[in-house]
Each structure stands twice: as structure tokens, then as C-alpha cells.
């Protein structure tokens, strides 16, 4: 089950690098006892070595929505995503994929910064 898994640098090395140059793995499991609930964990390599875990990852949750589309999952679909319990920072995300394939991710956030990037 996703909640029990442990990730090591050796295991993470089998994955290709992300566009940010990191090795990452989003691990998820559909809860058999609670339909509509998904348990997930997001691991990534740290600069300098080792593996860290993100307590809440909206972009990975959106990728789960893309996986649902690619795997032919029945639509519309809605899930409550539990992430972060293993690192002591529980996070709850909402994932919705509508019949047209639009993916929406939501949840409550704690704003710790704000800014503008000009390209």
C-alpha cells in the first residue's frame, strides 16, 4: 500500500530525470475500503543526495487525473487525495476529471509568500 512504502535513492534511480533534473516518483493507491479516496506519496531526490517527500503535491495530483484519462477510467471522476501523513504533515487534495477531460485540483493552502515573475 502507498502509505507503507519506503523510498531509497537506489530505488528512485530507475526513473528518468524530471525537467528540473530530479528523479521523482508519485506513488498512489485507491483505498479499497473507501471508494473515492486515494492514498498518495511523492518522493524526490535531494540536491547532495538522499530522498525527500513532499507533503502535498497539486501538480502530481493533476498528473493522476491525466493517468485516469489515459487509462480509460470512467468519467466524470472525483477523488479525495490523502498525502503527507507519513511525514507528519497531512494534506488533503480534491481531484475532479469531468466528462470532457478537464482536470481540476483543489484544496486549502497556507500562503507563505506571494510575488510576480516577469519573463
N, C-alpha and C. Protein backbone atom coordinates (compact mmCIF):
# COMPACT_ATOMS: atom_id res chain seq x y z
N UNK A 1 0.84 -1.18 0.00
CA UNK A 1 0.00 0.00 0.00
C UNK A 1 0.88 1.24 0.00
N UNK A 2 0.41 2.30 -0.61
CA UNK A 2 1.20 3.53 -0.76
C UNK A 2 1.67 4.08 0.58
N UNK A 3 0.87 3.95 1.59
CA UNK A 3 1.21 4.54 2.88
C UNK A 3 2.38 3.81 3.54
N UNK A 4 2.57 2.55 3.21
CA UNK A 4 3.63 1.75 3.85
C UNK A 4 4.96 1.79 3.11
N UNK A 5 4.96 2.28 1.89
CA UNK A 5 6.19 2.18 1.10
C UNK A 5 7.28 3.10 1.62
N UNK A 6 8.49 2.66 1.45
CA UNK A 6 9.66 3.47 1.77
C UNK A 6 10.44 3.63 0.47
N UNK A 7 11.06 4.77 0.30
CA UNK A 7 11.78 5.01 -0.94
C UNK A 7 13.25 5.28 -0.62
N UNK A 8 14.11 4.66 -1.39
CA UNK A 8 15.55 4.87 -1.22
C UNK A 8 16.10 5.49 -2.49
N UNK A 9 17.27 6.09 -2.39
CA UNK A 9 17.92 6.67 -3.56
C UNK A 9 18.11 5.61 -4.63
N UNK A 10 18.48 4.40 -4.24
CA UNK A 10 18.70 3.32 -5.20
C UNK A 10 17.43 3.01 -5.97
N UNK A 11 16.31 2.92 -5.29
CA UNK A 11 15.04 2.64 -5.97
C UNK A 11 14.64 3.78 -6.90
N UNK A 12 14.88 5.00 -6.46
CA UNK A 12 14.48 6.15 -7.25
C UNK A 12 15.32 6.32 -8.51
N UNK A 13 16.51 5.74 -8.54
CA UNK A 13 17.40 5.88 -9.70
C UNK A 13 16.86 5.20 -10.95
N UNK A 14 15.88 4.31 -10.84
CA UNK A 14 15.34 3.65 -12.03
C UNK A 14 14.49 4.59 -12.88
N UNK A 15 14.05 5.70 -12.31
CA UNK A 15 13.18 6.64 -13.03
C UNK A 15 14.01 7.65 -13.81
N UNK A 16 13.47 8.15 -14.93
CA UNK A 16 14.18 9.22 -15.66
C UNK A 16 14.12 10.53 -14.87
N UNK A 17 15.01 11.45 -15.20
CA UNK A 17 15.01 12.75 -14.54
C UNK A 17 13.83 13.59 -15.01
N UNK A 18 13.33 14.41 -14.11
CA UNK A 18 12.27 15.36 -14.45
C UNK A 18 12.88 16.54 -15.20
N UNK A 19 12.04 17.45 -15.66
CA UNK A 19 12.54 18.65 -16.35
C UNK A 19 13.37 19.52 -15.42
N UNK A 20 13.25 19.31 -14.11
CA UNK A 20 14.03 20.06 -13.13
C UNK A 20 15.34 19.35 -12.77
N UNK A 21 15.59 18.21 -13.42
CA UNK A 21 16.82 17.47 -13.17
C UNK A 21 16.77 16.56 -11.96
N UNK A 22 15.58 16.30 -11.46
CA UNK A 22 15.43 15.41 -10.29
C UNK A 22 14.78 14.10 -10.70
N UNK A 23 15.01 13.11 -9.90
CA UNK A 23 14.30 11.84 -10.03
C UNK A 23 13.11 11.93 -9.08
N UNK A 24 11.93 11.61 -9.58
CA UNK A 24 10.73 11.72 -8.75
C UNK A 24 9.85 10.48 -8.93
N UNK A 25 9.03 10.21 -7.94
CA UNK A 25 8.06 9.12 -8.04
C UNK A 25 6.81 9.51 -7.26
N UNK A 26 5.67 9.47 -7.94
CA UNK A 26 4.38 9.71 -7.31
C UNK A 26 3.73 8.34 -7.16
N UNK A 27 3.57 7.89 -5.94
CA UNK A 27 3.04 6.56 -5.64
C UNK A 27 1.63 6.73 -5.10
N UNK A 28 0.68 5.98 -5.65
CA UNK A 28 -0.70 6.12 -5.18
C UNK A 28 -1.40 4.77 -5.14
N UNK A 29 -2.42 4.71 -4.31
CA UNK A 29 -3.24 3.50 -4.20
C UNK A 29 -4.68 3.92 -3.95
N UNK A 30 -5.60 3.31 -4.67
CA UNK A 30 -7.02 3.55 -4.44
C UNK A 30 -7.41 2.79 -3.18
N UNK A 31 -8.09 3.47 -2.27
CA UNK A 31 -8.48 2.86 -1.00
C UNK A 31 -9.63 1.89 -1.23
N UNK A 32 -9.42 0.58 -1.03
CA UNK A 32 -10.48 -0.39 -1.28
C UNK A 32 -11.64 -0.29 -0.30
N UNK A 33 -11.41 0.30 0.86
CA UNK A 33 -12.46 0.42 1.87
C UNK A 33 -13.27 1.70 1.74
N UNK A 34 -12.73 2.68 1.03
CA UNK A 34 -13.42 3.96 0.87
C UNK A 34 -13.35 4.40 -0.59
N UNK A 35 -14.32 3.98 -1.41
CA UNK A 35 -14.31 4.40 -2.81
C UNK A 35 -14.27 5.93 -2.90
N UNK A 36 -13.51 6.43 -3.84
CA UNK A 36 -13.37 7.87 -3.98
C UNK A 36 -12.22 8.45 -3.19
N UNK A 37 -11.47 7.59 -2.51
CA UNK A 37 -10.32 8.05 -1.72
C UNK A 37 -9.05 7.42 -2.28
N UNK A 38 -8.00 8.24 -2.37
CA UNK A 38 -6.70 7.78 -2.86
C UNK A 38 -5.65 8.15 -1.83
N UNK A 39 -4.77 7.21 -1.52
CA UNK A 39 -3.62 7.47 -0.65
C UNK A 39 -2.42 7.68 -1.56
N UNK A 40 -1.66 8.75 -1.34
CA UNK A 40 -0.53 9.02 -2.23
C UNK A 40 0.69 9.53 -1.47
N UNK A 41 1.84 9.38 -2.12
CA UNK A 41 3.11 9.90 -1.61
C UNK A 41 3.93 10.35 -2.80
N UNK A 42 4.70 11.44 -2.62
CA UNK A 42 5.52 11.98 -3.70
C UNK A 42 6.96 12.09 -3.21
N UNK A 43 7.83 11.29 -3.80
CA UNK A 43 9.24 11.25 -3.42
C UNK A 43 10.08 11.96 -4.48
N UNK A 44 11.17 12.59 -4.05
CA UNK A 44 12.10 13.21 -4.99
C UNK A 44 13.51 13.19 -4.41
N UNK A 45 14.50 13.19 -5.30
CA UNK A 45 15.89 13.21 -4.85
C UNK A 45 16.25 14.63 -4.41
N UNK A 46 17.04 14.69 -3.35
CA UNK A 46 17.50 15.98 -2.83
C UNK A 46 18.85 16.32 -3.45
N UNK A 47 19.12 17.62 -3.59
CA UNK A 47 20.45 18.02 -4.02
C UNK A 47 21.44 17.57 -2.96
N UNK A 48 22.52 16.99 -3.38
CA UNK A 48 23.51 16.49 -2.43
C UNK A 48 23.26 15.05 -2.01
N UNK A 49 22.17 14.44 -2.46
CA UNK A 49 21.90 13.04 -2.16
C UNK A 49 20.75 12.84 -1.20
N UNK A 50 20.21 11.66 -1.24
CA UNK A 50 19.10 11.30 -0.38
C UNK A 50 17.75 11.53 -1.05
N UNK A 51 16.71 11.13 -0.34
CA UNK A 51 15.35 11.23 -0.85
C UNK A 51 14.51 12.03 0.14
N UNK A 52 13.69 12.92 -0.39
CA UNK A 52 12.76 13.69 0.43
C UNK A 52 11.34 13.36 -0.01
N UNK A 53 10.38 13.79 0.79
CA UNK A 53 8.98 13.54 0.47
C UNK A 53 8.19 14.83 0.62
N UNK A 54 7.39 15.14 -0.39
CA UNK A 54 6.55 16.34 -0.38
C UNK A 54 5.23 16.00 0.30
N UNK A 55 4.79 16.82 1.26
CA UNK A 55 3.54 16.51 1.95
C UNK A 55 2.28 16.73 1.12
N UNK A 56 2.33 17.59 0.12
CA UNK A 56 1.16 17.85 -0.71
C UNK A 56 1.58 18.35 -2.07
N UNK A 57 1.17 17.67 -3.13
CA UNK A 57 1.67 17.98 -4.46
C UNK A 57 0.52 18.11 -5.45
N UNK A 58 0.08 19.35 -5.68
CA UNK A 58 -1.03 19.58 -6.60
C UNK A 58 -0.71 19.16 -8.02
N UNK A 59 0.52 19.42 -8.48
CA UNK A 59 0.87 19.06 -9.85
C UNK A 59 0.87 17.54 -10.05
N UNK A 60 1.33 16.79 -9.05
CA UNK A 60 1.30 15.33 -9.15
C UNK A 60 -0.14 14.83 -9.11
N UNK A 61 -0.97 15.48 -8.33
CA UNK A 61 -2.39 15.12 -8.28
C UNK A 61 -3.02 15.32 -9.66
N UNK A 62 -2.67 16.42 -10.33
CA UNK A 62 -3.16 16.66 -11.69
C UNK A 62 -2.68 15.57 -12.64
N UNK A 63 -1.44 15.11 -12.46
CA UNK A 63 -0.93 14.02 -13.28
C UNK A 63 -1.71 12.73 -13.06
N UNK A 64 -2.18 12.51 -11.85
CA UNK A 64 -3.05 11.37 -11.58
C UNK A 64 -4.33 11.50 -12.42
N UNK A 65 -4.85 12.71 -12.53
CA UNK A 65 -6.01 12.94 -13.40
C UNK A 65 -5.70 12.59 -14.84
N UNK A 66 -4.50 12.95 -15.31
CA UNK A 66 -4.08 12.58 -16.66
C UNK A 66 -3.97 11.08 -16.83
N UNK A 67 -3.49 10.41 -15.79
CA UNK A 67 -3.39 8.94 -15.84
C UNK A 67 -4.79 8.33 -15.94
N UNK A 68 -5.75 8.89 -15.18
CA UNK A 68 -7.13 8.39 -15.27
C UNK A 68 -7.65 8.50 -16.70
N UNK A 69 -7.38 9.63 -17.34
CA UNK A 69 -7.79 9.82 -18.74
C UNK A 69 -7.10 8.81 -19.66
N UNK A 70 -5.79 8.70 -19.54
CA UNK A 70 -5.01 7.83 -20.42
C UNK A 70 -5.36 6.35 -20.25
N UNK A 71 -5.79 5.97 -19.05
CA UNK A 71 -6.10 4.56 -18.80
C UNK A 71 -7.56 4.22 -19.08
N UNK A 72 -8.32 5.18 -19.60
CA UNK A 72 -9.71 4.91 -19.96
C UNK A 72 -10.66 4.80 -18.78
N UNK A 73 -10.33 5.44 -17.67
CA UNK A 73 -11.16 5.42 -16.47
C UNK A 73 -12.52 6.05 -16.77
N UNK A 74 -13.57 5.53 -16.14
CA UNK A 74 -14.91 6.09 -16.33
C UNK A 74 -14.96 7.54 -15.84
N UNK A 75 -15.55 8.40 -16.67
CA UNK A 75 -15.67 9.82 -16.34
C UNK A 75 -17.14 10.21 -16.28
N UNK A 76 -17.48 11.20 -15.50
CA UNK A 76 -16.61 12.02 -14.66
C UNK A 76 -16.13 11.23 -13.44
N UNK A 77 -15.03 11.71 -12.85
CA UNK A 77 -14.45 11.04 -11.68
C UNK A 77 -14.03 12.10 -10.66
N UNK A 78 -14.26 11.80 -9.39
CA UNK A 78 -13.83 12.68 -8.31
C UNK A 78 -13.17 11.85 -7.22
N UNK A 79 -12.06 12.39 -6.68
CA UNK A 79 -11.33 11.69 -5.63
C UNK A 79 -10.87 12.66 -4.56
N UNK A 80 -10.82 12.16 -3.34
CA UNK A 80 -10.17 12.84 -2.23
C UNK A 80 -8.79 12.20 -2.11
N UNK A 81 -7.74 13.01 -2.20
CA UNK A 81 -6.37 12.52 -2.18
C UNK A 81 -5.76 12.82 -0.81
N UNK A 82 -5.31 11.79 -0.11
CA UNK A 82 -4.62 11.95 1.18
C UNK A 82 -3.12 11.83 0.93
N UNK A 83 -2.37 12.83 1.34
CA UNK A 83 -0.92 12.81 1.16
C UNK A 83 -0.28 13.51 2.36
N UNK A 84 0.91 13.14 2.72
CA UNK A 84 1.67 13.84 3.74
C UNK A 84 1.64 13.24 5.13
N UNK A 85 0.78 12.26 5.38
CA UNK A 85 0.69 11.68 6.72
C UNK A 85 2.02 11.06 7.15
N UNK A 86 2.73 10.43 6.21
CA UNK A 86 3.98 9.74 6.54
C UNK A 86 5.08 10.70 6.99
N UNK A 87 4.96 11.98 6.65
CA UNK A 87 5.96 12.97 7.06
C UNK A 87 5.40 13.93 8.10
N UNK A 88 4.27 13.56 8.70
CA UNK A 88 3.69 14.35 9.78
C UNK A 88 3.05 15.65 9.35
N UNK A 89 2.71 15.78 8.06
CA UNK A 89 2.06 16.99 7.55
C UNK A 89 0.90 16.58 6.65
N UNK A 90 -0.20 16.10 7.23
CA UNK A 90 -1.32 15.62 6.42
C UNK A 90 -1.84 16.71 5.48
N UNK A 91 -2.11 16.32 4.26
CA UNK A 91 -2.61 17.22 3.23
C UNK A 91 -3.76 16.51 2.52
N UNK A 92 -4.82 17.25 2.25
CA UNK A 92 -5.97 16.68 1.56
C UNK A 92 -6.23 17.49 0.30
N UNK A 93 -6.20 16.82 -0.82
CA UNK A 93 -6.45 17.45 -2.12
C UNK A 93 -7.71 16.86 -2.72
N UNK A 94 -8.35 17.64 -3.58
CA UNK A 94 -9.52 17.16 -4.32
C UNK A 94 -9.14 17.08 -5.79
N UNK A 95 -9.48 15.98 -6.42
CA UNK A 95 -9.22 15.79 -7.85
C UNK A 95 -10.55 15.54 -8.54
N UNK A 96 -10.81 16.28 -9.61
CA UNK A 96 -12.01 16.07 -10.41
C UNK A 96 -11.61 16.05 -11.88
N UNK A 97 -12.10 15.05 -12.60
CA UNK A 97 -11.92 14.96 -14.04
C UNK A 97 -13.31 14.89 -14.64
N UNK A 98 -13.68 15.90 -15.44
CA UNK A 98 -15.04 15.91 -15.97
C UNK A 98 -15.15 15.08 -17.24
N UNK A 99 -16.37 14.95 -17.75
CA UNK A 99 -16.63 14.08 -18.91
C UNK A 99 -15.88 14.54 -20.16
N UNK A 100 -15.52 15.82 -20.24
CA UNK A 100 -14.77 16.35 -21.38
C UNK A 100 -13.26 16.20 -21.20
N UNK A 101 -12.83 15.72 -20.04
CA UNK A 101 -11.41 15.52 -19.78
C UNK A 101 -10.71 16.67 -19.09
N UNK A 102 -11.46 17.68 -18.65
CA UNK A 102 -10.84 18.79 -17.91
C UNK A 102 -10.46 18.28 -16.52
N UNK A 103 -9.25 18.60 -16.09
CA UNK A 103 -8.74 18.16 -14.79
C UNK A 103 -8.69 19.35 -13.85
N UNK A 104 -9.26 19.17 -12.66
CA UNK A 104 -9.24 20.23 -11.65
C UNK A 104 -8.71 19.67 -10.34
N UNK A 105 -7.83 20.44 -9.72
CA UNK A 105 -7.25 20.08 -8.43
C UNK A 105 -7.55 21.22 -7.47
N UNK A 106 -7.96 20.87 -6.27
CA UNK A 106 -8.24 21.90 -5.28
C UNK A 106 -7.85 21.45 -3.89
N UNK A 107 -7.93 22.40 -2.99
CA UNK A 107 -7.61 22.13 -1.60
C UNK A 107 -7.34 23.43 -0.88
N UNK A 108 -7.21 23.38 0.41
CA UNK A 108 -6.88 24.57 1.19
C UNK A 108 -5.37 24.72 1.24
N UNK A 109 -4.91 25.95 1.26
CA UNK A 109 -3.47 26.21 1.31
C UNK A 109 -3.17 27.23 2.39
N UNK A 110 -1.95 27.23 2.82
CA UNK A 110 -1.43 28.23 3.73
C UNK A 110 -0.44 29.06 2.93
N UNK A 111 -0.79 30.31 2.67
CA UNK A 111 0.08 31.16 1.87
C UNK A 111 1.30 31.55 2.68
N UNK A 112 2.46 31.28 2.11
CA UNK A 112 3.71 31.64 2.80
C UNK A 112 4.51 32.65 1.98
N UNK A 113 3.99 33.03 0.84
CA UNK A 113 4.67 34.01 0.01
C UNK A 113 3.83 34.38 -1.18
N UNK A 114 4.22 35.47 -1.82
CA UNK A 114 3.50 35.94 -2.99
C UNK A 114 4.48 36.75 -3.82
N UNK A 115 4.29 36.75 -5.13
CA UNK A 115 5.20 37.52 -5.97
C UNK A 115 4.79 37.48 -7.42
N UNK A 116 5.59 38.12 -8.24
CA UNK A 116 5.36 38.20 -9.67
C UNK A 116 6.64 37.83 -10.38
N UNK A 117 6.51 37.06 -11.43
CA UNK A 117 7.65 36.71 -12.26
C UNK A 117 7.42 37.32 -13.64
N UNK A 118 8.37 38.09 -14.12
CA UNK A 118 8.28 38.67 -15.45
C UNK A 118 9.26 37.94 -16.35
N UNK A 119 8.75 37.45 -17.48
CA UNK A 119 9.59 36.70 -18.41
C UNK A 119 9.82 37.54 -19.65
